[in-house]
Amino acid sequence: MLLQQLANGVFAGSIYALFAIGFTLVFGVLRHLNLAHPAVFTAGAFVGIEVAARTAIPVWILFPVVALFGALAGVLVERIAFRPLRGRDDEHFAGLISSVALGGVVIALLQARYGTEPQSFSADYFPNQLFEFAGVRVTLTQLVTLGLALVLMLGLAWLVSATSLGRSMRAVAENPTAAKVLGVNVGRVTAGTYALSSALGTVAGALLALNLGQAGRDLGASIELVGFAVIILGGLGSLWGAMAAGVVLGIAEALTIHLFDSTWKSMVAFALLFAVLVLRPRGLFGQVKVREV
């Protein structure tokens, strides 16, 4: 049924968008491409499963705990993989390589902690009730996923546009040197940006694990390329673009499954990516920046 597939696409797209805005937030503010983000995303899923198993806390407490873990992980990523390289001529490229290495370390630590087998939420942890609206069946897990993703994404958009931290982030994104001269604590803004990015990433990982019922070490790798496609489709550095592109991509994948079959699903992201790069290289919401000399 077409409506059912569209609904599935929206739910999947909300997770894509939540994952991708972590990438695009760091890139948009700091021009860093944090390739440890998928590993942090995976860690969020594993931590969520372990905390749920050990404490049996309700899901509305679980996600703030996972977000707190993600924020701490984000600060560590910035301190370990990026801050030591600050000021180098090859800072951005070196940081990219450093974050790849750190991501590998995180995955190795997860394997050492949890082994090679997938970890699962207990079957009775969250009631997976089924609802039907106009012939479309959705689960309670899907509704929670969509609602939480919307709240977090809109909350981030408000924080960036209407708070002092958001104004500082925009100042650093525009010109870090000028922002520092004007009294902005660039180090604190950098750490805060990574903390927010990783908090969103870990919550996205826990949401995906809750929908799948389990998480494996390849959870982040399975969505990493989709995340790249989303930030390029939406426009590098555009939060609204990443949000919209995640949903667009989720719906496109669902329609592909409906019209053809699931074997074509993985081609959709790259077909859309190719089309956008040819027709609108700056992405759907990207803007051309003019530098005055």
C-alpha atoms as a PDB file:
ATOM      1  CA  MET A   1       0.000   0.000   0.000  1.00  0.00           C
ATOM      2  CA  LEU A   2       1.416   3.352  -1.064  1.00  0.00           C
ATOM      3  CA  LEU A   3       0.355   5.270   2.059  1.00  0.00           C
ATOM      4  CA  GLN A   4       1.927   2.624   4.263  1.00  0.00           C
ATOM      5  CA  GLN A   5       5.224   2.910   2.433  1.00  0.00           C
ATOM      6  CA  LEU A   6       5.139   6.713   2.649  1.00  0.00           C
ATOM      7  CA  ALA A   7       4.591   6.485   6.399  1.00  0.00           C
ATOM      8  CA  ASN A   8       7.487   4.024   6.721  1.00  0.00           C
ATOM      9  CA  GLY A   9       9.629   6.429   4.719  1.00  0.00           C
ATOM     10  CA  VAL A  10       8.849   9.333   7.033  1.00  0.00           C
ATOM     11  CA  PHE A  11       9.756   7.283  10.114  1.00  0.00           C
ATOM     12  CA  ALA A  12      13.038   6.090   8.567  1.00  0.00           C
ATOM     13  CA  GLY A  13      13.779   9.590   7.300  1.00  0.00           C
ATOM     14  CA  SER A  14      13.431  11.068  10.782  1.00  0.00           C
ATOM     15  CA  ILE A  15      16.287   8.840  12.003  1.00  0.00           C
ATOM     16  CA  TYR A  16      18.370   9.679   8.921  1.00  0.00           C
ATOM     17  CA  ALA A  17      17.828  13.370   9.594  1.00  0.00           C
ATOM     18  CA  LEU A  18      18.667  13.130  13.302  1.00  0.00           C
ATOM     19  CA  PHE A  19      21.879  11.261  12.478  1.00  0.00           C
ATOM     20  CA  ALA A  20      22.838  13.657   9.685  1.00  0.00           C
ATOM     21  CA  ILE A  21      22.351  16.907  11.583  1.00  0.00           C
ATOM     22  CA  GLY A  22      25.116  15.760  13.924  1.00  0.00           C
ATOM     23  CA  PHE A  23      27.433  15.663  10.931  1.00  0.00           C
ATOM     24  CA  THR A  24      26.211  18.932   9.483  1.00  0.00           C
ATOM     25  CA  LEU A  25      26.245  20.844  12.802  1.00  0.00           C
ATOM     26  CA  VAL A  26      29.970  20.235  13.299  1.00  0.00           C
ATOM     27  CA  PHE A  27      30.751  20.876   9.658  1.00  0.00           C
ATOM     28  CA  GLY A  28      28.610  24.002   9.474  1.00  0.00           C
ATOM     29  CA  VAL A  29      30.133  25.608  12.576  1.00  0.00           C
ATOM     30  CA  LEU A  30      33.709  24.327  12.571  1.00  0.00           C
ATOM     31  CA  ARG A  31      34.288  22.982   9.056  1.00  0.00           C
ATOM     32  CA  HIS A  32      35.307  19.657  10.603  1.00  0.00           C
ATOM     33  CA  LEU A  33      34.136  16.390   9.069  1.00  0.00           C
ATOM     34  CA  ASN A  34      33.847  14.158  12.118  1.00  0.00           C
ATOM     35  CA  LEU A  35      34.129  10.601  10.829  1.00  0.00           C
ATOM     36  CA  ALA A  36      33.959   9.225  14.372  1.00  0.00           C
ATOM     37  CA  HIS A  37      30.262  10.175  14.392  1.00  0.00           C
ATOM     38  CA  PRO A  38      29.002   6.778  13.110  1.00  0.00           C
ATOM     39  CA  ALA A  39      30.963   5.007  15.848  1.00  0.00           C
ATOM     40  CA  VAL A  40      29.469   7.302  18.502  1.00  0.00           C
ATOM     41  CA  PHE A  41      26.039   6.616  16.965  1.00  0.00           C
ATOM     42  CA  THR A  42      26.684   2.871  17.396  1.00  0.00           C
ATOM     43  CA  ALA A  43      27.922   3.377  20.950  1.00  0.00           C
ATOM     44  CA  GLY A  44      24.685   5.184  21.789  1.00  0.00           C
ATOM     45  CA  ALA A  45      22.695   2.124  20.718  1.00  0.00           C
ATOM     46  CA  PHE A  46      24.797  -0.244  22.830  1.00  0.00           C
ATOM     47  CA  VAL A  47      24.751   2.028  25.867  1.00  0.00           C
ATOM     48  CA  GLY A  48      20.979   2.416  25.557  1.00  0.00           C
ATOM     49  CA  ILE A  49      20.508  -1.358  25.466  1.00  0.00           C
ATOM     50  CA  GLU A  50      22.808  -1.940  28.454  1.00  0.00           C
ATOM     51  CA  VAL A  51      21.266   0.810  30.586  1.00  0.00           C
ATOM     52  CA  ALA A  52      17.760  -0.498  29.794  1.00  0.00           C
ATOM     53  CA  ALA A  53      18.797  -4.051  30.722  1.00  0.00           C
ATOM     54  CA  ARG A  54      20.557  -3.108  33.963  1.00  0.00           C
ATOM     55  CA  THR A  55      18.148  -0.516  35.335  1.00  0.00           C
ATOM     56  CA  ALA A  56      14.814  -1.104  33.552  1.00  0.00           C
ATOM     57  CA  ILE A  57      14.285   2.665  33.511  1.00  0.00           C
ATOM     58  CA  PRO A  58      11.420   3.885  31.307  1.00  0.00           C
ATOM     59  CA  VAL A  59      12.194   4.988  27.793  1.00  0.00           C
ATOM     60  CA  TRP A  60      11.586   8.705  28.512  1.00  0.00           C
ATOM     61  CA  ILE A  61      14.431   8.569  31.060  1.00  0.00           C
ATOM     62  CA  LEU A  62      16.605   6.303  28.930  1.00  0.00           C
ATOM     63  CA  PHE A  63      17.010   8.800  26.088  1.00  0.00           C
ATOM     64  CA  PRO A  64      18.212  11.692  28.279  1.00  0.00           C
ATOM     65  CA  VAL A  65      20.764   9.293  29.808  1.00  0.00           C
ATOM     66  CA  VAL A  66      21.926   8.274  26.326  1.00  0.00           C
ATOM     67  CA  ALA A  67      22.094  11.941  25.285  1.00  0.00           C
ATOM     68  CA  LEU A  68      24.248  12.753  28.338  1.00  0.00           C
ATOM     69  CA  PHE A  69      26.593   9.905  27.404  1.00  0.00           C
ATOM     70  CA  GLY A  70      26.703  11.250  23.845  1.00  0.00           C
ATOM     71  CA  ALA A  71      27.532  14.778  25.000  1.00  0.00           C
ATOM     72  CA  LEU A  72      30.458  13.488  27.064  1.00  0.00           C
ATOM     73  CA  ALA A  73      31.601  11.345  24.144  1.00  0.00           C
ATOM     74  CA  GLY A  74      31.452  14.366  21.839  1.00  0.00           C
ATOM     75  CA  VAL A  75      33.669  16.412  24.137  1.00  0.00           C
ATOM     76  CA  LEU A  76      36.182  13.532  24.223  1.00  0.00           C
ATOM     77  CA  VAL A  77      36.135  13.248  20.419  1.00  0.00           C
ATOM     78  CA  GLU A  78      36.954  16.947  20.111  1.00  0.00           C
ATOM     79  CA  ARG A  79      39.682  16.789  22.772  1.00  0.00           C
ATOM     80  CA  ILE A  80      41.343  13.644  21.383  1.00  0.00           C
ATOM     81  CA  ALA A  81      40.875  13.809  17.610  1.00  0.00           C
ATOM     82  CA  PHE A  82      40.680  17.514  16.780  1.00  0.00           C
ATOM     83  CA  ARG A  83      42.005  19.863  19.459  1.00  0.00           C
ATOM     84  CA  PRO A  84      45.645  18.630  19.326  1.00  0.00           C
ATOM     85  CA  LEU A  85      45.658  19.427  15.593  1.00  0.00           C
ATOM     86  CA  ARG A  86      44.371  22.998  15.935  1.00  0.00           C
ATOM     87  CA  GLY A  87      46.479  25.545  14.087  1.00  0.00           C
ATOM     88  CA  ARG A  88      48.171  23.100  11.738  1.00  0.00           C
ATOM     89  CA  ASP A  89      48.145  23.862   8.020  1.00  0.00           C
ATOM     90  CA  ASP A  90      46.457  20.512   7.377  1.00  0.00           C
ATOM     91  CA  GLU A  91      44.151  20.806  10.388  1.00  0.00           C
ATOM     92  CA  HIS A  92      40.979  19.751   8.573  1.00  0.00           C
ATOM     93  CA  PHE A  93      42.446  16.843   6.644  1.00  0.00           C
ATOM     94  CA  ALA A  94      44.449  15.630   9.644  1.00  0.00           C
ATOM     95  CA  GLY A  95      41.336  15.850  11.803  1.00  0.00           C
ATOM     96  CA  LEU A  96      39.404  13.756   9.295  1.00  0.00           C
ATOM     97  CA  ILE A  97      42.052  11.003   9.456  1.00  0.00           C
ATOM     98  CA  SER A  98      42.313  11.293  13.236  1.00  0.00           C
ATOM     99  CA  SER A  99      38.551  10.917  13.625  1.00  0.00           C
ATOM    100  CA  VAL A 100      38.551   7.802  11.421  1.00  0.00           C
ATOM    101  CA  ALA A 101      41.182   6.281  13.719  1.00  0.00           C
ATOM    102  CA  LEU A 102      39.245   7.255  16.847  1.00  0.00           C
ATOM    103  CA  GLY A 103      36.078   5.757  15.382  1.00  0.00           C
ATOM    104  CA  GLY A 104      37.936   2.480  14.863  1.00  0.00           C
ATOM    105  CA  VAL A 105      39.073   2.560  18.482  1.00  0.00           C
ATOM    106  CA  VAL A 106      35.487   3.103  19.676  1.00  0.00           C
ATOM    107  CA  ILE A 107      34.236   0.118  17.651  1.00  0.00           C
ATOM    108  CA  ALA A 108      37.079  -2.023  19.033  1.00  0.00           C
ATOM    109  CA  LEU A 109      36.137  -0.981  22.579  1.00  0.00           C
ATOM    110  CA  LEU A 110      32.514  -1.917  21.904  1.00  0.00           C
ATOM    111  CA  GLN A 111      33.639  -5.332  20.699  1.00  0.00           C
ATOM    112  CA  ALA A 112      35.798  -5.791  23.788  1.00  0.00           C
ATOM    113  CA  ARG A 113      32.867  -4.841  26.018  1.00  0.00           C
ATOM    114  CA  TYR A 114      29.963  -6.579  24.273  1.00  0.00           C
ATOM    115  CA  GLY A 115      31.558  -9.211  22.027  1.00  0.00           C
ATOM    116  CA  THR A 116      30.793  -9.788  18.365  1.00  0.00           C
ATOM    117  CA  GLU A 117      27.135 -10.771  18.697  1.00  0.00           C
ATOM    118  CA  PRO A 118      24.346  -8.154  18.382  1.00  0.00           C
ATOM    119  CA  GLN A 119      22.874  -6.843  21.614  1.00  0.00           C
ATOM    120  CA  SER A 120      19.102  -6.693  22.021  1.00  0.00           C
ATOM    121  CA  PHE A 121      16.479  -4.864  24.026  1.00  0.00           C
ATOM    122  CA  SER A 122      14.400  -7.269  26.098  1.00  0.00           C
ATOM    123  CA  ALA A 123      11.155  -8.202  24.375  1.00  0.00           C
ATOM    124  CA  ASP A 124       9.032  -6.596  27.093  1.00  0.00           C
ATOM    125  CA  TYR A 125      11.085  -3.398  27.548  1.00  0.00           C
ATOM    126  CA  PHE A 126       8.845  -1.175  25.444  1.00  0.00           C
ATOM    127  CA  PRO A 127       5.221  -1.946  24.532  1.00  0.00           C
ATOM    128  CA  ASN A 128       5.116  -2.139  20.761  1.00  0.00           C
ATOM    129  CA  GLN A 129       1.441  -1.394  20.317  1.00  0.00           C
ATOM    130  CA  LEU A 130      -0.006  -1.193  16.835  1.00  0.00           C
ATOM    131  CA  PHE A 131      -2.238   1.669  15.697  1.00  0.00           C
ATOM    132  CA  GLU A 132      -4.116   2.148  12.466  1.00  0.00           C
ATOM    133  CA  PHE A 133      -4.934   5.495  10.851  1.00  0.00           C
ATOM    134  CA  ALA A 134      -6.712   5.607   7.483  1.00  0.00           C
ATOM    135  CA  GLY A 135      -5.465   2.148   6.671  1.00  0.00           C
ATOM    136  CA  VAL A 136      -1.864   2.945   7.667  1.00  0.00           C
ATOM    137  CA  ARG A 137      -0.405   0.788  10.438  1.00  0.00           C
ATOM    138  CA  VAL A 138       2.169   2.350  12.738  1.00  0.00           C
ATOM    139  CA  THR A 139       3.745   1.104  15.916  1.00  0.00           C
ATOM    140  CA  LEU A 140       4.136   3.004  19.159  1.00  0.00           C
ATOM    141  CA  THR A 141       7.906   2.770  18.665  1.00  0.00           C
ATOM    142  CA  GLN A 142       7.620   4.519  15.309  1.00  0.00           C
ATOM    143  CA  LEU A 143       5.472   7.276  16.786  1.00  0.00           C
ATOM    144  CA  VAL A 144       7.948   7.811  19.630  1.00  0.00           C
ATOM    145  CA  THR A 145      10.791   7.884  17.101  1.00  0.00           C
ATOM    146  CA  LEU A 146       9.110  10.501  14.938  1.00  0.00           C
ATOM    147  CA  GLY A 147       7.992  12.630  17.879  1.00  0.00           C
ATOM    148  CA  LEU A 148      11.352  12.614  19.628  1.00  0.00           C
ATOM    149  CA  ALA A 149      13.237  13.288  16.404  1.00  0.00           C
ATOM    150  CA  LEU A 150      11.007  16.287  15.638  1.00  0.00           C
ATOM    151  CA  VAL A 151      11.368  17.687  19.155  1.00  0.00           C
ATOM    152  CA  LEU A 152      15.157  17.357  19.094  1.00  0.00           C
ATOM    153  CA  MET A 153      15.583  18.796  15.598  1.00  0.00           C
ATOM    154  CA  LEU A 154      13.286  21.751  16.221  1.00  0.00           C
ATOM    155  CA  GLY A 155      14.912  22.277  19.613  1.00  0.00           C
ATOM    156  CA  LEU A 156      18.337  22.404  17.977  1.00  0.00           C
ATOM    157  CA  ALA A 157      17.085  24.877  15.371  1.00  0.00           C
ATOM    158  CA  TRP A 158      15.739  27.100  18.171  1.00  0.00           C
ATOM    159  CA  LEU A 159      18.980  26.824  20.161  1.00  0.00           C
ATOM    160  CA  VAL A 160      21.096  27.846  17.173  1.00  0.00           C
ATOM    161  CA  SER A 161      18.856  30.762  16.215  1.00  0.00           C
ATOM    162  CA  ALA A 162      17.651  32.186  19.527  1.00  0.00           C
ATOM    163  CA  THR A 163      20.149  31.532  22.336  1.00  0.00           C
ATOM    164  CA  SER A 164      23.472  33.046  23.327  1.00  0.00           C
ATOM    165  CA  LEU A 165      25.229  29.738  22.609  1.00  0.00           C
ATOM    166  CA  GLY A 166      23.614  29.665  19.187  1.00  0.00           C
ATOM    167  CA  ARG A 167      24.723  33.219  18.442  1.00  0.00           C
ATOM    168  CA  SER A 168      28.252  32.305  19.492  1.00  0.00           C
ATOM    169  CA  MET A 169      28.158  29.235  17.251  1.00  0.00           C
ATOM    170  CA  ARG A 170      27.049  31.345  14.294  1.00  0.00           C
ATOM    171  CA  ALA A 171      29.794  33.876  15.018  1.00  0.00           C
ATOM    172  CA  VAL A 172      32.427  31.129  15.084  1.00  0.00           C
ATOM    173  CA  ALA A 173      31.017  29.665  11.876  1.00  0.00           C
ATOM    174  CA  GLU A 174      31.320  33.060  10.179  1.00  0.00           C
ATOM    175  CA  ASN A 175      34.821  33.965  11.380  1.00  0.00           C
ATOM    176  CA  PRO A 176      36.487  32.247  14.373  1.00  0.00           C
ATOM    177  CA  THR A 177      39.223  34.879  14.673  1.00  0.00           C
ATOM    178  CA  ALA A 178      36.792  37.796  14.696  1.00  0.00           C
ATOM    179  CA  ALA A 179      34.540  35.939  17.136  1.00  0.00           C
ATOM    180  CA  LYS A 180      37.462  35.474  19.518  1.00  0.00           C
ATOM    181  CA  VAL A 181      38.355  39.178  19.295  1.00  0.00           C
ATOM    182  CA  LEU A 182      34.735  40.018  20.177  1.00  0.00           C
ATOM    183  CA  GLY A 183      34.928  37.928  23.338  1.00  0.00           C
ATOM    184  CA  VAL A 184      33.463  34.617  22.204  1.00  0.00           C
ATOM    185  CA  ASN A 185      35.008  31.634  23.976  1.00  0.00           C
ATOM    186  CA  VAL A 186      35.834  29.641  20.848  1.00  0.00           C
ATOM    187  CA  GLY A 187      37.066  26.616  22.821  1.00  0.00           C
ATOM    188  CA  ARG A 188      33.814  26.383  24.747  1.00  0.00           C
ATOM    189  CA  VAL A 189      31.741  26.806  21.581  1.00  0.00           C
ATOM    190  CA  THR A 190      33.761  24.079  19.868  1.00  0.00           C
ATOM    191  CA  ALA A 191      33.275  21.662  22.759  1.00  0.00           C
ATOM    192  CA  GLY A 192      29.572  22.541  22.954  1.00  0.00           C
ATOM    193  CA  THR A 193      29.111  21.934  19.241  1.00  0.00           C
ATOM    194  CA  TYR A 194      30.658  18.471  19.486  1.00  0.00           C
ATOM    195  CA  ALA A 195      28.624  17.698  22.598  1.00  0.00           C
ATOM    196  CA  LEU A 196      25.350  18.613  20.882  1.00  0.00           C
ATOM    197  CA  SER A 197      26.291  16.737  17.730  1.00  0.00           C
ATOM    198  CA  SER A 198      27.170  13.521  19.533  1.00  0.00           C
ATOM    199  CA  ALA A 199      24.184  13.747  21.884  1.00  0.00           C
ATOM    200  CA  LEU A 200      21.883  13.810  18.851  1.00  0.00           C
ATOM    201  CA  GLY A 201      23.859  10.999  17.241  1.00  0.00           C
ATOM    202  CA  THR A 202      23.653   8.690  20.251  1.00  0.00           C
ATOM    203  CA  VAL A 203      19.915   9.292  20.630  1.00  0.00           C
ATOM    204  CA  ALA A 204      19.477   8.480  16.932  1.00  0.00           C
ATOM    205  CA  GLY A 205      21.441   5.253  17.461  1.00  0.00           C
ATOM    206  CA  ALA A 206      19.313   4.251  20.437  1.00  0.00           C
ATOM    207  CA  LEU A 207      16.128   5.048  18.486  1.00  0.00           C
ATOM    208  CA  LEU A 208      17.229   2.896  15.562  1.00  0.00           C
ATOM    209  CA  ALA A 209      18.153   0.049  17.924  1.00  0.00           C
ATOM    210  CA  LEU A 210      14.748   0.342  19.621  1.00  0.00           C
ATOM    211  CA  ASN A 211      13.027   0.086  16.230  1.00  0.00           C
ATOM    212  CA  LEU A 212      15.171  -2.856  15.123  1.00  0.00           C
ATOM    213  CA  GLY A 213      15.127  -4.484  18.540  1.00  0.00           C
ATOM    214  CA  GLN A 214      18.908  -4.935  18.481  1.00  0.00           C
ATOM    215  CA  ALA A 215      22.220  -3.333  17.569  1.00  0.00           C
ATOM    216  CA  GLY A 216      25.397  -4.685  16.004  1.00  0.00           C
ATOM    217  CA  ARG A 217      28.855  -3.193  15.589  1.00  0.00           C
ATOM    218  CA  ASP A 218      28.027  -2.306  11.971  1.00  0.00           C
ATOM    219  CA  LEU A 219      24.991  -0.201  12.905  1.00  0.00           C
ATOM    220  CA  GLY A 220      26.782   3.096  12.258  1.00  0.00           C
ATOM    221  CA  ALA A 221      28.471   1.848   9.101  1.00  0.00           C
ATOM    222  CA  SER A 222      25.078   0.877   7.685  1.00  0.00           C
ATOM    223  CA  ILE A 223      23.830   4.464   7.903  1.00  0.00           C
ATOM    224  CA  GLU A 224      27.085   6.382   7.416  1.00  0.00           C
ATOM    225  CA  LEU A 225      26.851   6.736   3.619  1.00  0.00           C
ATOM    226  CA  VAL A 226      23.173   7.649   3.915  1.00  0.00           C
ATOM    227  CA  GLY A 227      24.199  10.403   6.329  1.00  0.00           C
ATOM    228  CA  PHE A 228      26.716  11.771   3.827  1.00  0.00           C
ATOM    229  CA  ALA A 229      24.067  11.737   1.121  1.00  0.00           C
ATOM    230  CA  VAL A 230      21.636  13.599   3.375  1.00  0.00           C
ATOM    231  CA  ILE A 231      24.024  16.436   4.269  1.00  0.00           C
ATOM    232  CA  ILE A 232      25.013  16.918   0.625  1.00  0.00           C
ATOM    233  CA  LEU A 233      21.407  16.754  -0.577  1.00  0.00           C
ATOM    234  CA  GLY A 234      20.334  19.274   2.040  1.00  0.00           C
ATOM    235  CA  GLY A 235      23.345  21.542   1.560  1.00  0.00           C
ATOM    236  CA  LEU A 236      26.572  21.376   3.532  1.00  0.00           C
ATOM    237  CA  GLY A 237      26.136  23.114   6.857  1.00  0.00           C
ATOM    238  CA  SER A 238      22.358  23.586   6.530  1.00  0.00           C
ATOM    239  CA  LEU A 239      20.415  22.211   9.518  1.00  0.00           C
ATOM    240  CA  TRP A 240      17.045  22.684   7.845  1.00  0.00           C
ATOM    241  CA  GLY A 241      18.433  21.106   4.701  1.00  0.00           C
ATOM    242  CA  ALA A 242      19.597  18.016   6.588  1.00  0.00           C
ATOM    243  CA  MET A 243      16.202  17.668   8.256  1.00  0.00           C
ATOM    244  CA  ALA A 244      14.313  17.937   4.960  1.00  0.00           C
ATOM    245  CA  ALA A 245      16.743  15.783   2.997  1.00  0.00           C
ATOM    246  CA  GLY A 246      16.567  12.977   5.582  1.00  0.00           C
ATOM    247  CA  VAL A 247      12.805  12.750   5.187  1.00  0.00           C
ATOM    248  CA  VAL A 248      13.016  13.060   1.389  1.00  0.00           C
ATOM    249  CA  LEU A 249      15.522  10.232   1.248  1.00  0.00           C
ATOM    250  CA  GLY A 250      13.476   8.038   3.569  1.00  0.00           C
ATOM    251  CA  ILE A 251      10.366   8.534   1.422  1.00  0.00           C
ATOM    252  CA  ALA A 252      12.361   7.923  -1.780  1.00  0.00           C
ATOM    253  CA  GLU A 253      13.642   4.608  -0.397  1.00  0.00           C
ATOM    254  CA  ALA A 254      10.134   3.581   0.645  1.00  0.00           C
ATOM    255  CA  LEU A 255       8.720   4.418  -2.790  1.00  0.00           C
ATOM    256  CA  THR A 256      11.505   2.434  -4.436  1.00  0.00           C
ATOM    257  CA  ILE A 257      10.593  -0.614  -2.341  1.00  0.00           C
ATOM    258  CA  HIS A 258       6.916  -0.117  -3.261  1.00  0.00           C
ATOM    259  CA  LEU A 259       7.497   0.288  -7.004  1.00  0.00           C
ATOM    260  CA  PHE A 260      10.375  -2.177  -7.447  1.00  0.00           C
ATOM    261  CA  ASP A 261      11.829  -4.203  -4.568  1.00  0.00           C
ATOM    262  CA  SER A 262      14.173  -3.799  -1.622  1.00  0.00           C
ATOM    263  CA  THR A 263      17.292  -4.724  -3.617  1.00  0.00           C
ATOM    264  CA  TRP A 264      17.121  -1.305  -5.295  1.00  0.00           C
ATOM    265  CA  LYS A 265      16.851   0.571  -1.995  1.00  0.00           C
ATOM    266  CA  SER A 266      20.588   1.155  -1.521  1.00  0.00           C
ATOM    267  CA  MET A 267      20.849   2.810  -4.945  1.00  0.00           C
ATOM    268  CA  VAL A 268      18.373   5.571  -4.144  1.00  0.00           C
ATOM    269  CA  ALA A 269      20.681   7.682  -1.962  1.00  0.00           C
ATOM    270  CA  PHE A 270      23.404   7.710  -4.568  1.00  0.00           C
ATOM    271  CA  ALA A 271      21.051   8.309  -7.486  1.00  0.00           C
ATOM    272  CA  LEU A 272      19.574  11.335  -5.684  1.00  0.00           C
ATOM    273  CA  LEU A 273      23.052  12.470  -4.700  1.00  0.00           C
ATOM    274  CA  PHE A 274      24.251  12.311  -8.303  1.00  0.00           C
ATOM    275  CA  ALA A 275      21.187  14.181  -9.572  1.00  0.00           C
ATOM    276  CA  VAL A 276      21.530  16.967  -7.001  1.00  0.00           C
ATOM    277  CA  LEU A 277      25.270  17.359  -7.592  1.00  0.00           C
ATOM    278  CA  VAL A 278      24.601  17.751 -11.318  1.00  0.00           C
ATOM    279  CA  LEU A 279      21.531  19.996 -11.125  1.00  0.00           C
ATOM    280  CA  ARG A 280      22.161  21.930  -7.890  1.00  0.00           C
ATOM    281  CA  PRO A 281      25.695  21.366  -6.586  1.00  0.00           C
ATOM    282  CA  ARG A 282      25.167  23.395  -3.413  1.00  0.00           C
ATOM    283  CA  GLY A 283      22.283  21.143  -2.321  1.00  0.00           C
ATOM    284  CA  LEU A 284      18.580  21.769  -1.866  1.00  0.00           C
ATOM    285  CA  PHE A 285      19.004  24.380   0.874  1.00  0.00           C
ATOM    286  CA  GLY A 286      22.632  25.391   0.372  1.00  0.00           C
ATOM    287  CA  GLN A 287      23.453  28.988  -0.433  1.00  0.00           C
ATOM    288  CA  VAL A 288      26.230  30.468  -2.503  1.00  0.00           C
ATOM    289  CA  LYS A 289      28.553  32.486  -0.287  1.00  0.00           C
ATOM    290  CA  VAL A 290      30.177  35.551  -1.751  1.00  0.00           C
ATOM    291  CA  ARG A 291      33.528  36.587  -0.301  1.00  0.00           C
ATOM    292  CA  GLU A 292      34.469  40.227  -0.630  1.00  0.00           C
ATOM    293  CA  VAL A 293      38.127  41.028  -1.149  1.00  0.00           C
END
